[in-house]
Amino acid sequence: MIKEELMSMLRNELPVLRARLGISQAKLAEMIGISRQTYNVIENGKREMTWPIFLSLVAFFQNNEQTAQMLKQTEELDEKMKKVLSSESIER
């Protein structure tokens, strides 16, 4: 349930995060290894993202100075991500 909430929250932030970097959907999709069409339907809410795509997007945005701070400022997203990611490392 938390994973679905996280993916939904991130999806809502995608246009803003991408605009902050000034990159196209095609460029971002290429950088995380998916097609532009797949990224487009995710960003526009026509398709749910998968957990691997979520993790790729989080890694991409967290490793970029311009967007890392934006993710941290979304407190609910940041707290839930920490909780889920730490519990996944425990499960392994």
C-alpha atoms as a PDB file:
ATOM      1  CA  MET A   1       0.000   0.000   0.000  1.00  0.00           C
ATOM      2  CA  ILE A   2       2.802   2.422   0.842  1.00  0.00           C
ATOM      3  CA  LYS A   3       4.537   1.644  -2.447  1.00  0.00           C
ATOM      4  CA  GLU A   4       1.415   2.628  -4.402  1.00  0.00           C
ATOM      5  CA  GLU A   5       1.153   5.872  -2.433  1.00  0.00           C
ATOM      6  CA  LEU A   6       4.807   6.655  -3.091  1.00  0.00           C
ATOM      7  CA  MET A   7       4.468   5.996  -6.803  1.00  0.00           C
ATOM      8  CA  SER A   8       1.373   8.198  -6.964  1.00  0.00           C
ATOM      9  CA  MET A   9       3.067  11.022  -5.062  1.00  0.00           C
ATOM     10  CA  LEU A  10       6.124  10.881  -7.297  1.00  0.00           C
ATOM     11  CA  ARG A  11       3.976  10.804 -10.419  1.00  0.00           C
ATOM     12  CA  ASN A  12       2.321  14.025  -9.306  1.00  0.00           C
ATOM     13  CA  GLU A  13       5.745  15.644  -8.965  1.00  0.00           C
ATOM     14  CA  LEU A  14       7.237  14.395 -12.244  1.00  0.00           C
ATOM     15  CA  PRO A  15       6.360  17.410 -14.425  1.00  0.00           C
ATOM     16  CA  VAL A  16       7.823  19.817 -11.858  1.00  0.00           C
ATOM     17  CA  LEU A  17      10.973  17.776 -11.285  1.00  0.00           C
ATOM     18  CA  ARG A  18      11.546  17.341 -15.000  1.00  0.00           C
ATOM     19  CA  ALA A  19      10.919  21.044 -15.669  1.00  0.00           C
ATOM     20  CA  ARG A  20      13.396  21.936 -12.923  1.00  0.00           C
ATOM     21  CA  LEU A  21      16.054  20.121 -14.942  1.00  0.00           C
ATOM     22  CA  GLY A  22      14.851  21.536 -18.236  1.00  0.00           C
ATOM     23  CA  ILE A  23      14.838  18.165 -19.952  1.00  0.00           C
ATOM     24  CA  SER A  24      12.341  16.554 -22.282  1.00  0.00           C
ATOM     25  CA  GLN A  25      10.314  13.456 -21.547  1.00  0.00           C
ATOM     26  CA  ALA A  26      12.352  11.662 -24.222  1.00  0.00           C
ATOM     27  CA  LYS A  27      15.671  12.556 -22.570  1.00  0.00           C
ATOM     28  CA  LEU A  28      14.530  11.520 -19.092  1.00  0.00           C
ATOM     29  CA  ALA A  29      13.062   8.282 -20.424  1.00  0.00           C
ATOM     30  CA  GLU A  30      16.322   7.506 -22.202  1.00  0.00           C
ATOM     31  CA  MET A  31      18.320   8.191 -19.044  1.00  0.00           C
ATOM     32  CA  ILE A  32      16.292   5.702 -16.988  1.00  0.00           C
ATOM     33  CA  GLY A  33      15.980   3.121 -19.751  1.00  0.00           C
ATOM     34  CA  ILE A  34      12.345   3.294 -20.831  1.00  0.00           C
ATOM     35  CA  SER A  35      10.607   4.575 -23.947  1.00  0.00           C
ATOM     36  CA  ARG A  36       9.329   8.137 -24.254  1.00  0.00           C
ATOM     37  CA  GLN A  37       5.824   6.746 -24.765  1.00  0.00           C
ATOM     38  CA  THR A  38       5.998   4.786 -21.514  1.00  0.00           C
ATOM     39  CA  TYR A  39       7.258   7.816 -19.627  1.00  0.00           C
ATOM     40  CA  ASN A  40       4.573  10.022 -21.182  1.00  0.00           C
ATOM     41  CA  VAL A  41       1.660   7.817 -20.089  1.00  0.00           C
ATOM     42  CA  ILE A  42       3.125   7.559 -16.590  1.00  0.00           C
ATOM     43  CA  GLU A  43       3.653  11.321 -16.233  1.00  0.00           C
ATOM     44  CA  ASN A  44       0.145  11.988 -17.549  1.00  0.00           C
ATOM     45  CA  GLY A  45      -1.441   9.485 -15.168  1.00  0.00           C
ATOM     46  CA  LYS A  46      -2.733   7.157 -17.865  1.00  0.00           C
ATOM     47  CA  ARG A  47      -0.629   4.253 -16.603  1.00  0.00           C
ATOM     48  CA  GLU A  48       0.759   3.312 -13.218  1.00  0.00           C
ATOM     49  CA  MET A  49       4.521   3.095 -12.953  1.00  0.00           C
ATOM     50  CA  THR A  50       6.170  -0.108 -11.889  1.00  0.00           C
ATOM     51  CA  TRP A  51       8.313  -0.312  -8.763  1.00  0.00           C
ATOM     52  CA  PRO A  52      11.545  -0.624 -10.808  1.00  0.00           C
ATOM     53  CA  ILE A  53      10.638   2.519 -12.779  1.00  0.00           C
ATOM     54  CA  PHE A  54       9.861   4.298  -9.509  1.00  0.00           C
ATOM     55  CA  LEU A  55      13.253   3.327  -8.101  1.00  0.00           C
ATOM     56  CA  SER A  56      14.989   4.458 -11.293  1.00  0.00           C
ATOM     57  CA  LEU A  57      13.265   7.842 -11.156  1.00  0.00           C
ATOM     58  CA  VAL A  58      14.022   8.304  -7.461  1.00  0.00           C
ATOM     59  CA  ALA A  59      17.673   7.421  -8.025  1.00  0.00           C
ATOM     60  CA  PHE A  60      17.860   9.815 -10.960  1.00  0.00           C
ATOM     61  CA  PHE A  61      16.276  12.741  -9.116  1.00  0.00           C
ATOM     62  CA  GLN A  62      18.084  12.092  -5.818  1.00  0.00           C
ATOM     63  CA  ASN A  63      21.437  12.099  -7.587  1.00  0.00           C
ATOM     64  CA  ASN A  64      20.837  15.481  -9.174  1.00  0.00           C
ATOM     65  CA  GLU A  65      21.576  18.606  -7.131  1.00  0.00           C
ATOM     66  CA  GLN A  66      18.704  20.549  -8.647  1.00  0.00           C
ATOM     67  CA  THR A  67      16.038  17.991  -7.781  1.00  0.00           C
ATOM     68  CA  ALA A  68      17.373  16.184  -4.708  1.00  0.00           C
ATOM     69  CA  GLN A  69      16.384  19.061  -2.465  1.00  0.00           C
ATOM     70  CA  MET A  70      12.902  19.175  -4.000  1.00  0.00           C
ATOM     71  CA  LEU A  71      12.361  15.512  -3.121  1.00  0.00           C
ATOM     72  CA  LYS A  72      13.503  16.103   0.453  1.00  0.00           C
ATOM     73  CA  GLN A  73      11.158  19.071   0.797  1.00  0.00           C
ATOM     74  CA  THR A  74       8.184  16.850   0.015  1.00  0.00           C
ATOM     75  CA  GLU A  75       8.252  15.547   3.580  1.00  0.00           C
ATOM     76  CA  GLU A  76       5.619  12.837   3.286  1.00  0.00           C
ATOM     77  CA  LEU A  77       7.278  11.433   0.178  1.00  0.00           C
ATOM     78  CA  ASP A  78      10.728  11.594   1.760  1.00  0.00           C
ATOM     79  CA  GLU A  79       9.625   9.898   5.002  1.00  0.00           C
ATOM     80  CA  LYS A  80       7.729   7.110   3.274  1.00  0.00           C
ATOM     81  CA  MET A  81      10.600   6.486   0.863  1.00  0.00           C
ATOM     82  CA  LYS A  82      13.040   6.111   3.734  1.00  0.00           C
ATOM     83  CA  LYS A  83      10.681   3.688   5.492  1.00  0.00           C
ATOM     84  CA  VAL A  84      10.081   1.517   2.423  1.00  0.00           C
ATOM     85  CA  LEU A  85      13.676   1.529   1.213  1.00  0.00           C
ATOM     86  CA  SER A  86      15.034   0.627   4.643  1.00  0.00           C
ATOM     87  CA  SER A  87      12.523  -2.195   5.058  1.00  0.00           C
ATOM     88  CA  GLU A  88      13.478  -3.595   1.637  1.00  0.00           C
ATOM     89  CA  SER A  89      17.134  -3.716   2.605  1.00  0.00           C
ATOM     90  CA  ILE A  90      16.172  -5.610   5.763  1.00  0.00           C
ATOM     91  CA  GLU A  91      14.165  -8.155   3.739  1.00  0.00           C
ATOM     92  CA  ARG A  92      17.202  -9.071   1.622  1.00  0.00           C
END
